[in-house]
PDB file of all heavy atoms in Angstrom:
ATOM      1  N   ARG A   1       6.264  -7.828  -1.012  1.00  0.00           N
ATOM      2  CA  ARG A   1       6.645  -9.241  -1.155  1.00  0.00           C
ATOM      3  C   ARG A   1       6.160 -10.070   0.037  1.00  0.00           C
ATOM      4  O   ARG A   1       5.801 -11.241  -0.114  1.00  0.00           O
ATOM      5  CB  ARG A   1       8.164  -9.359  -1.310  1.00  0.00           C
ATOM      6  CG  ARG A   1       8.693  -8.820  -2.631  1.00  0.00           C
ATOM      7  CD  ARG A   1      10.146  -9.210  -2.852  1.00  0.00           C
ATOM      8  NE  ARG A   1      11.035  -8.583  -1.891  1.00  0.00           N
ATOM      9  CZ  ARG A   1      11.637  -7.411  -2.078  1.00  0.00           C
ATOM     10  NH1 ARG A   1      11.449  -6.745  -3.206  1.00  0.00           N
ATOM     11  NH2 ARG A   1      12.435  -6.910  -1.161  1.00  0.00           N
ATOM     12  N   GLY A   2       6.142  -9.464   1.223  1.00  0.00           N
ATOM     13  CA  GLY A   2       5.645 -10.182   2.387  1.00  0.00           C
ATOM     14  C   GLY A   2       4.155 -10.451   2.307  1.00  0.00           C
ATOM     15  O   GLY A   2       3.698 -11.576   2.550  1.00  0.00           O
ATOM     16  N   PHE A   3       3.368  -9.437   1.963  1.00  0.00           N
ATOM     17  CA  PHE A   3       1.928  -9.620   1.846  1.00  0.00           C
ATOM     18  C   PHE A   3       1.575 -10.638   0.760  1.00  0.00           C
ATOM     19  O   PHE A   3       0.710 -11.483   0.954  1.00  0.00           O
ATOM     20  CB  PHE A   3       1.244  -8.287   1.512  1.00  0.00           C
ATOM     21  CG  PHE A   3       1.136  -7.321   2.654  1.00  0.00           C
ATOM     22  CD1 PHE A   3       1.570  -6.006   2.513  1.00  0.00           C
ATOM     23  CD2 PHE A   3       0.571  -7.702   3.862  1.00  0.00           C
ATOM     24  CE1 PHE A   3       1.457  -5.097   3.557  1.00  0.00           C
ATOM     25  CE2 PHE A   3       0.453  -6.800   4.919  1.00  0.00           C
ATOM     26  CZ  PHE A   3       0.899  -5.492   4.763  1.00  0.00           C
ATOM     27  N   GLN A   4       2.244 -10.536  -0.385  1.00  0.00           N
ATOM     28  CA  GLN A   4       1.842 -11.306  -1.560  1.00  0.00           C
ATOM     29  C   GLN A   4       2.547 -12.645  -1.705  1.00  0.00           C
ATOM     30  O   GLN A   4       2.075 -13.506  -2.457  1.00  0.00           O
ATOM     31  CB  GLN A   4       2.040 -10.469  -2.830  1.00  0.00           C
ATOM     32  CG  GLN A   4       1.197  -9.208  -2.832  1.00  0.00           C
ATOM     33  CD  GLN A   4       1.181  -8.473  -4.159  1.00  0.00           C
ATOM     34  OE1 GLN A   4       0.377  -7.582  -4.369  1.00  0.00           O
ATOM     35  NE2 GLN A   4       2.064  -8.816  -5.082  1.00  0.00           N
ATOM     36  N   GLY A   5       3.655 -12.844  -1.013  1.00  0.00           N
ATOM     37  CA  GLY A   5       4.366 -14.104  -1.102  1.00  0.00           C
ATOM     38  C   GLY A   5       4.858 -14.393  -2.511  1.00  0.00           C
ATOM     39  O   GLY A   5       4.989 -13.503  -3.357  1.00  0.00           O
ATOM     40  N   GLU A   6       5.148 -15.649  -2.762  1.00  0.00           N
ATOM     41  CA  GLU A   6       5.638 -16.062  -4.082  1.00  0.00           C
ATOM     42  C   GLU A   6       4.501 -16.244  -5.069  1.00  0.00           C
ATOM     43  O   GLU A   6       4.707 -16.211  -6.284  1.00  0.00           O
ATOM     44  CB  GLU A   6       6.425 -17.376  -3.956  1.00  0.00           C
ATOM     45  CG  GLU A   6       7.667 -17.285  -3.089  1.00  0.00           C
ATOM     46  CD  GLU A   6       8.707 -16.343  -3.675  1.00  0.00           C
ATOM     47  OE1 GLU A   6       8.834 -16.310  -4.928  1.00  0.00           O
ATOM     48  OE2 GLU A   6       9.377 -15.639  -2.906  1.00  0.00           O
ATOM     49  N   ASP A   7       3.279 -16.465  -4.566  1.00  0.00           N
ATOM     50  CA  ASP A   7       2.157 -16.786  -5.436  1.00  0.00           C
ATOM     51  C   ASP A   7       0.890 -16.255  -4.780  1.00  0.00           C
ATOM     52  O   ASP A   7       0.517 -16.678  -3.686  1.00  0.00           O
ATOM     53  CB  ASP A   7       2.067 -18.310  -5.633  1.00  0.00           C
ATOM     54  CG  ASP A   7       0.939 -18.721  -6.569  1.00  0.00           C
ATOM     55  OD1 ASP A   7       0.256 -17.827  -7.115  1.00  0.00           O
ATOM     56  OD2 ASP A   7       0.745 -19.935  -6.753  1.00  0.00           O
ATOM     57  N   LEU A   8       0.191 -15.337  -5.459  1.00  0.00           N
ATOM     58  CA  LEU A   8      -1.018 -14.773  -4.890  1.00  0.00           C
ATOM     59  C   LEU A   8      -2.119 -15.806  -4.704  1.00  0.00           C
ATOM     60  O   LEU A   8      -3.042 -15.607  -3.910  1.00  0.00           O
ATOM     61  CB  LEU A   8      -1.532 -13.631  -5.776  1.00  0.00           C
ATOM     62  CG  LEU A   8      -1.060 -12.212  -5.438  1.00  0.00           C
ATOM     63  CD1 LEU A   8      -1.720 -11.205  -6.348  1.00  0.00           C
ATOM     64  CD2 LEU A   8      -1.340 -11.883  -3.981  1.00  0.00           C
ATOM     65  N   ALA A   9      -2.051 -16.901  -5.446  1.00  0.00           N
ATOM     66  CA  ALA A   9      -3.060 -17.947  -5.302  1.00  0.00           C
ATOM     67  C   ALA A   9      -2.877 -18.752  -4.019  1.00  0.00           C
ATOM     68  O   ALA A   9      -3.731 -19.585  -3.681  1.00  0.00           O
ATOM     69  CB  ALA A   9      -3.029 -18.879  -6.510  1.00  0.00           C
ATOM     70  N   ASP A  10      -1.791 -18.529  -3.313  1.00  0.00           N
ATOM     71  CA  ASP A  10      -1.597 -19.155  -2.012  1.00  0.00           C
ATOM     72  C   ASP A  10      -2.586 -18.524  -1.031  1.00  0.00           C
ATOM     73  O   ASP A  10      -2.568 -17.306  -0.823  1.00  0.00           O
ATOM     74  CB  ASP A  10      -0.148 -18.920  -1.550  1.00  0.00           C
ATOM     75  CG  ASP A  10       0.167 -19.569  -0.212  1.00  0.00           C
ATOM     76  OD1 ASP A  10      -0.773 -19.907   0.534  1.00  0.00           O
ATOM     77  OD2 ASP A  10       1.361 -19.724   0.093  1.00  0.00           O
ATOM     78  N   PRO A  11      -3.473 -19.306  -0.428  1.00  0.00           N
ATOM     79  CA  PRO A  11      -4.511 -18.730   0.435  1.00  0.00           C
ATOM     80  C   PRO A  11      -3.982 -18.138   1.737  1.00  0.00           C
ATOM     81  O   PRO A  11      -4.763 -17.644   2.553  1.00  0.00           O
ATOM     82  CB  PRO A  11      -5.430 -19.918   0.716  1.00  0.00           C
ATOM     83  CG  PRO A  11      -4.551 -21.117   0.571  1.00  0.00           C
ATOM     84  CD  PRO A  11      -3.590 -20.769  -0.525  1.00  0.00           C
ATOM     85  N   LEU A  12      -2.678 -18.179   1.936  1.00  0.00           N
ATOM     86  CA  LEU A  12      -2.077 -17.565   3.126  1.00  0.00           C
ATOM     87  C   LEU A  12      -1.489 -16.199   2.806  1.00  0.00           C
ATOM     88  O   LEU A  12      -0.813 -15.594   3.642  1.00  0.00           O
ATOM     89  CB  LEU A  12      -1.004 -18.480   3.712  1.00  0.00           C
ATOM     90  CG  LEU A  12      -1.449 -19.905   4.042  1.00  0.00           C
ATOM     91  CD1 LEU A  12      -0.305 -20.688   4.668  1.00  0.00           C
ATOM     92  CD2 LEU A  12      -2.655 -19.908   4.963  1.00  0.00           C
ATOM     93  N   THR A  13      -1.722 -15.711   1.587  1.00  0.00           N
ATOM     94  CA  THR A  13      -1.233 -14.398   1.175  1.00  0.00           C
ATOM     95  C   THR A  13      -2.412 -13.501   0.832  1.00  0.00           C
ATOM     96  O   THR A  13      -3.539 -13.961   0.671  1.00  0.00           O
ATOM     97  CB  THR A  13      -0.301 -14.503  -0.043  1.00  0.00           C
ATOM     98  OG1 THR A  13      -1.060 -14.946  -1.183  1.00  0.00           O
ATOM     99  CG2 THR A  13       0.831 -15.481   0.216  1.00  0.00           C
ATOM    100  N   VAL A  14      -2.139 -12.216   0.708  1.00  0.00           N
ATOM    101  CA  VAL A  14      -3.168 -11.259   0.289  1.00  0.00           C
ATOM    102  C   VAL A  14      -2.574 -10.320  -0.746  1.00  0.00           C
ATOM    103  O   VAL A  14      -1.354 -10.122  -0.804  1.00  0.00           O
ATOM    104  CB  VAL A  14      -3.710 -10.436   1.484  1.00  0.00           C
ATOM    105  CG1 VAL A  14      -4.387 -11.334   2.506  1.00  0.00           C
ATOM    106  CG2 VAL A  14      -2.605  -9.610   2.133  1.00  0.00           C
ATOM    107  N   ALA A  15      -3.428  -9.744  -1.571  1.00  0.00           N
ATOM    108  CA  ALA A  15      -2.986  -8.741  -2.531  1.00  0.00           C
ATOM    109  C   ALA A  15      -2.637  -7.458  -1.786  1.00  0.00           C
ATOM    110  O   ALA A  15      -3.368  -7.031  -0.894  1.00  0.00           O
ATOM    111  CB  ALA A  15      -4.072  -8.481  -3.564  1.00  0.00           C
ATOM    112  N   ALA A  16      -1.519  -6.859  -2.148  1.00  0.00           N
ATOM    113  CA  ALA A  16      -1.088  -5.602  -1.525  1.00  0.00           C
ATOM    114  C   ALA A  16      -1.602  -4.417  -2.325  1.00  0.00           C
ATOM    115  O   ALA A  16      -2.036  -4.550  -3.475  1.00  0.00           O
ATOM    116  CB  ALA A  16       0.437  -5.562  -1.425  1.00  0.00           C
ATOM    117  N   CYS A  17      -1.533  -3.243  -1.722  1.00  0.00           N
ATOM    118  CA  CYS A  17      -1.984  -2.011  -2.374  1.00  0.00           C
ATOM    119  C   CYS A  17      -1.045  -0.877  -1.986  1.00  0.00           C
ATOM    120  O   CYS A  17      -1.010  -0.456  -0.826  1.00  0.00           O
ATOM    121  CB  CYS A  17      -3.410  -1.678  -1.948  1.00  0.00           C
ATOM    122  SG  CYS A  17      -4.111  -0.223  -2.748  1.00  0.00           S
ATOM    123  N   ALA A  18      -0.266  -0.385  -2.926  1.00  0.00           N
ATOM    124  CA  ALA A  18       0.641   0.744  -2.668  1.00  0.00           C
ATOM    125  C   ALA A  18      -0.176   2.037  -2.677  1.00  0.00           C
ATOM    126  O   ALA A  18      -0.878   2.329  -3.640  1.00  0.00           O
ATOM    127  CB  ALA A  18       1.745   0.790  -3.721  1.00  0.00           C
ATOM    128  N   LYS A  19      -0.070   2.797  -1.607  1.00  0.00           N
ATOM    129  CA  LYS A  19      -0.862   4.027  -1.504  1.00  0.00           C
ATOM    130  C   LYS A  19      -0.005   5.135  -0.881  1.00  0.00           C
ATOM    131  O   LYS A  19       1.035   4.837  -0.265  1.00  0.00           O
ATOM    132  CB  LYS A  19      -2.114   3.769  -0.662  1.00  0.00           C
ATOM    133  CG  LYS A  19      -1.844   3.422   0.813  1.00  0.00           C
ATOM    134  CD  LYS A  19      -3.123   3.128   1.550  1.00  0.00           C
ATOM    135  CE  LYS A  19      -2.850   2.947   3.041  1.00  0.00           C
ATOM    136  NZ  LYS A  19      -4.056   2.555   3.794  1.00  0.00           N
ATOM    137  N   HIS A  20      -0.352   6.403  -1.097  1.00  0.00           N
ATOM    138  CA  HIS A  20      -1.447   6.960  -1.890  1.00  0.00           C
ATOM    139  C   HIS A  20      -0.811   7.686  -3.065  1.00  0.00           C
ATOM    140  O   HIS A  20       0.039   8.554  -2.863  1.00  0.00           O
ATOM    141  CB  HIS A  20      -2.262   7.935  -1.077  1.00  0.00           C
ATOM    142  CG  HIS A  20      -2.781   7.373   0.231  1.00  0.00           C
ATOM    143  ND1 HIS A  20      -2.006   7.275   1.383  1.00  0.00           N
ATOM    144  CD2 HIS A  20      -3.996   6.859   0.571  1.00  0.00           C
ATOM    145  CE1 HIS A  20      -2.718   6.755   2.369  1.00  0.00           C
ATOM    146  NE2 HIS A  20      -3.920   6.478   1.916  1.00  0.00           N
ATOM    147  N   PHE A  21      -1.200   7.315  -4.229  1.00  0.00           N
ATOM    148  CA  PHE A  21      -0.567   7.753  -5.470  1.00  0.00           C
ATOM    149  C   PHE A  21      -1.219   9.051  -5.944  1.00  0.00           C
ATOM    150  O   PHE A  21      -2.308   9.040  -6.468  1.00  0.00           O
ATOM    151  CB  PHE A  21      -0.756   6.648  -6.511  1.00  0.00           C
ATOM    152  CG  PHE A  21       0.149   6.731  -7.695  1.00  0.00           C
ATOM    153  CD1 PHE A  21       1.497   6.461  -7.581  1.00  0.00           C
ATOM    154  CD2 PHE A  21      -0.359   7.058  -8.940  1.00  0.00           C
ATOM    155  CE1 PHE A  21       2.333   6.509  -8.687  1.00  0.00           C
ATOM    156  CE2 PHE A  21       0.472   7.127 -10.040  1.00  0.00           C
ATOM    157  CZ  PHE A  21       1.810   6.850  -9.922  1.00  0.00           C
ATOM    158  N   ALA A  22      -0.554  10.206  -5.767  1.00  0.00           N
ATOM    159  CA  ALA A  22       0.777  10.399  -5.197  1.00  0.00           C
ATOM    160  C   ALA A  22       0.833  11.796  -4.571  1.00  0.00           C
ATOM    161  O   ALA A  22       0.087  12.685  -4.932  1.00  0.00           O
ATOM    162  CB  ALA A  22       1.831  10.291  -6.275  1.00  0.00           C
ATOM    163  N   GLY A  23       1.765  11.938  -3.603  1.00  0.00           N
ATOM    164  CA  GLY A  23       2.054  13.221  -3.006  1.00  0.00           C
ATOM    165  C   GLY A  23       1.283  13.538  -1.744  1.00  0.00           C
ATOM    166  O   GLY A  23       1.408  14.632  -1.190  1.00  0.00           O
ATOM    167  N   TYR A  24       0.517  12.577  -1.251  1.00  0.00           N
ATOM    168  CA  TYR A  24      -0.346  12.796  -0.084  1.00  0.00           C
ATOM    169  C   TYR A  24       0.447  13.235   1.149  1.00  0.00           C
ATOM    170  O   TYR A  24      -0.029  14.019   1.971  1.00  0.00           O
ATOM    171  CB  TYR A  24      -1.087  11.492   0.174  1.00  0.00           C
ATOM    172  CG  TYR A  24      -2.118  11.467   1.273  1.00  0.00           C
ATOM    173  CD1 TYR A  24      -2.927  12.561   1.561  1.00  0.00           C
ATOM    174  CD2 TYR A  24      -2.314  10.300   2.009  1.00  0.00           C
ATOM    175  CE1 TYR A  24      -3.889  12.493   2.557  1.00  0.00           C
ATOM    176  CE2 TYR A  24      -3.278  10.230   3.003  1.00  0.00           C
ATOM    177  CZ  TYR A  24      -4.058  11.320   3.279  1.00  0.00           C
ATOM    178  OH  TYR A  24      -5.008  11.241   4.259  1.00  0.00           O
ATOM    179  N   GLY A  25       1.674  12.752   1.293  1.00  0.00           N
ATOM    180  CA  GLY A  25       2.493  13.086   2.451  1.00  0.00           C
ATOM    181  C   GLY A  25       3.003  14.510   2.462  1.00  0.00           C
ATOM    182  O   GLY A  25       3.622  14.938   3.437  1.00  0.00           O
ATOM    183  N   TYR A  26       2.744  15.254   1.384  1.00  0.00           N
ATOM    184  CA  TYR A  26       3.197  16.642   1.295  1.00  0.00           C
ATOM    185  C   TYR A  26       2.068  17.635   1.589  1.00  0.00           C
ATOM    186  O   TYR A  26       2.112  18.779   1.155  1.00  0.00           O
ATOM    187  CB  TYR A  26       3.792  16.912  -0.089  1.00  0.00           C
ATOM    188  CG  TYR A  26       5.246  16.533  -0.176  1.00  0.00           C
ATOM    189  CD1 TYR A  26       5.648  15.207  -0.174  1.00  0.00           C
ATOM    190  CD2 TYR A  26       6.242  17.506  -0.237  1.00  0.00           C
ATOM    191  CE1 TYR A  26       6.984  14.847  -0.240  1.00  0.00           C
ATOM    192  CE2 TYR A  26       7.589  17.159  -0.303  1.00  0.00           C
ATOM    193  CZ  TYR A  26       7.943  15.827  -0.304  1.00  0.00           C
ATOM    194  OH  TYR A  26       9.277  15.480  -0.363  1.00  0.00           O
ATOM    195  N   ALA A  27       1.076  17.196   2.350  1.00  0.00           N
ATOM    196  CA  ALA A  27      -0.038  18.074   2.704  1.00  0.00           C
ATOM    197  C   ALA A  27       0.475  19.347   3.366  1.00  0.00           C
ATOM    198  O   ALA A  27       1.271  19.293   4.304  1.00  0.00           O
ATOM    199  CB  ALA A  27      -0.997  17.351   3.640  1.00  0.00           C
ATOM    200  N   GLU A  28       0.024  20.481   2.879  1.00  0.00           N
ATOM    201  CA  GLU A  28       0.484  21.765   3.409  1.00  0.00           C
ATOM    202  C   GLU A  28       0.150  21.889   4.895  1.00  0.00           C
ATOM    203  O   GLU A  28      -0.947  21.549   5.332  1.00  0.00           O
ATOM    204  CB  GLU A  28      -0.158  22.927   2.644  1.00  0.00           C
ATOM    205  CG  GLU A  28       0.438  23.157   1.276  1.00  0.00           C
ATOM    206  CD  GLU A  28      -0.027  24.474   0.667  1.00  0.00           C
ATOM    207  OE1 GLU A  28      -1.016  25.042   1.161  1.00  0.00           O
ATOM    208  OE2 GLU A  28       0.603  24.930  -0.295  1.00  0.00           O
ATOM    209  N   GLY A  29       1.125  22.370   5.657  1.00  0.00           N
ATOM    210  CA  GLY A  29       0.939  22.551   7.088  1.00  0.00           C
ATOM    211  C   GLY A  29       0.838  21.252   7.853  1.00  0.00           C
ATOM    212  O   GLY A  29       0.507  21.254   9.039  1.00  0.00           O
ATOM    213  N   GLY A  30       1.095  20.123   7.173  1.00  0.00           N
ATOM    214  CA  GLY A  30       0.956  18.828   7.810  1.00  0.00           C
ATOM    215  C   GLY A  30      -0.487  18.478   8.121  1.00  0.00           C
ATOM    216  O   GLY A  30      -0.749  17.551   8.894  1.00  0.00           O
ATOM    217  N   ARG A  31      -1.440  19.184   7.510  1.00  0.00           N
ATOM    218  CA  ARG A  31      -2.860  18.983   7.815  1.00  0.00           C
ATOM    219  C   ARG A  31      -3.450  17.956   6.856  1.00  0.00           C
ATOM    220  O   ARG A  31      -3.433  18.151   5.641  1.00  0.00           O
ATOM    221  CB  ARG A  31      -3.619  20.305   7.719  1.00  0.00           C
ATOM    222  CG  ARG A  31      -4.990  20.261   8.366  1.00  0.00           C
ATOM    223  CD  ARG A  31      -5.627  21.642   8.442  1.00  0.00           C
ATOM    224  NE  ARG A  31      -6.162  22.082   7.172  1.00  0.00           N
ATOM    225  CZ  ARG A  31      -5.711  23.122   6.481  1.00  0.00           C
ATOM    226  NH1 ARG A  31      -4.684  23.821   6.939  1.00  0.00           N
ATOM    227  NH2 ARG A  31      -6.261  23.476   5.349  1.00  0.00           N
ATOM    228  N   ASP A  32      -3.965  16.882   7.420  1.00  0.00           N
ATOM    229  CA  ASP A  32      -4.463  15.779   6.608  1.00  0.00           C
ATOM    230  C   ASP A  32      -5.535  16.237   5.620  1.00  0.00           C
ATOM    231  O   ASP A  32      -6.331  17.131   5.925  1.00  0.00           O
ATOM    232  CB  ASP A  32      -5.027  14.676   7.505  1.00  0.00           C
ATOM    233  CG  ASP A  32      -4.839  13.292   6.909  1.00  0.00           C
ATOM    234  OD1 ASP A  32      -4.394  13.189   5.754  1.00  0.00           O
ATOM    235  OD2 ASP A  32      -5.118  12.307   7.610  1.00  0.00           O
ATOM    236  N   TYR A  33      -5.522  15.615   4.458  1.00  0.00           N
ATOM    237  CA  TYR A  33      -6.458  15.878   3.348  1.00  0.00           C
ATOM    238  C   TYR A  33      -6.242  17.248   2.717  1.00  0.00           C
ATOM    239  O   TYR A  33      -6.999  17.637   1.821  1.00  0.00           O
ATOM    240  CB  TYR A  33      -7.929  15.769   3.801  1.00  0.00           C
ATOM    241  CG  TYR A  33      -8.255  14.599   4.685  1.00  0.00           C
ATOM    242  CD1 TYR A  33      -8.884  14.790   5.912  1.00  0.00           C
ATOM    243  CD2 TYR A  33      -7.955  13.287   4.302  1.00  0.00           C
ATOM    244  CE1 TYR A  33      -9.200  13.722   6.739  1.00  0.00           C
ATOM    245  CE2 TYR A  33      -8.272  12.208   5.125  1.00  0.00           C
ATOM    246  CZ  TYR A  33      -8.890  12.430   6.343  1.00  0.00           C
ATOM    247  OH  TYR A  33      -9.202  11.371   7.150  1.00  0.00           O
TER     248      TYR A  33
END
């Protein structure tokens, strides 16, 4: 809501992107990728 504001057409906002879909934080051994 902070990134996108009330209206995406407001030039002071940006489109947000929820990542990473899904399960990336469960990498075995905590080893990235």
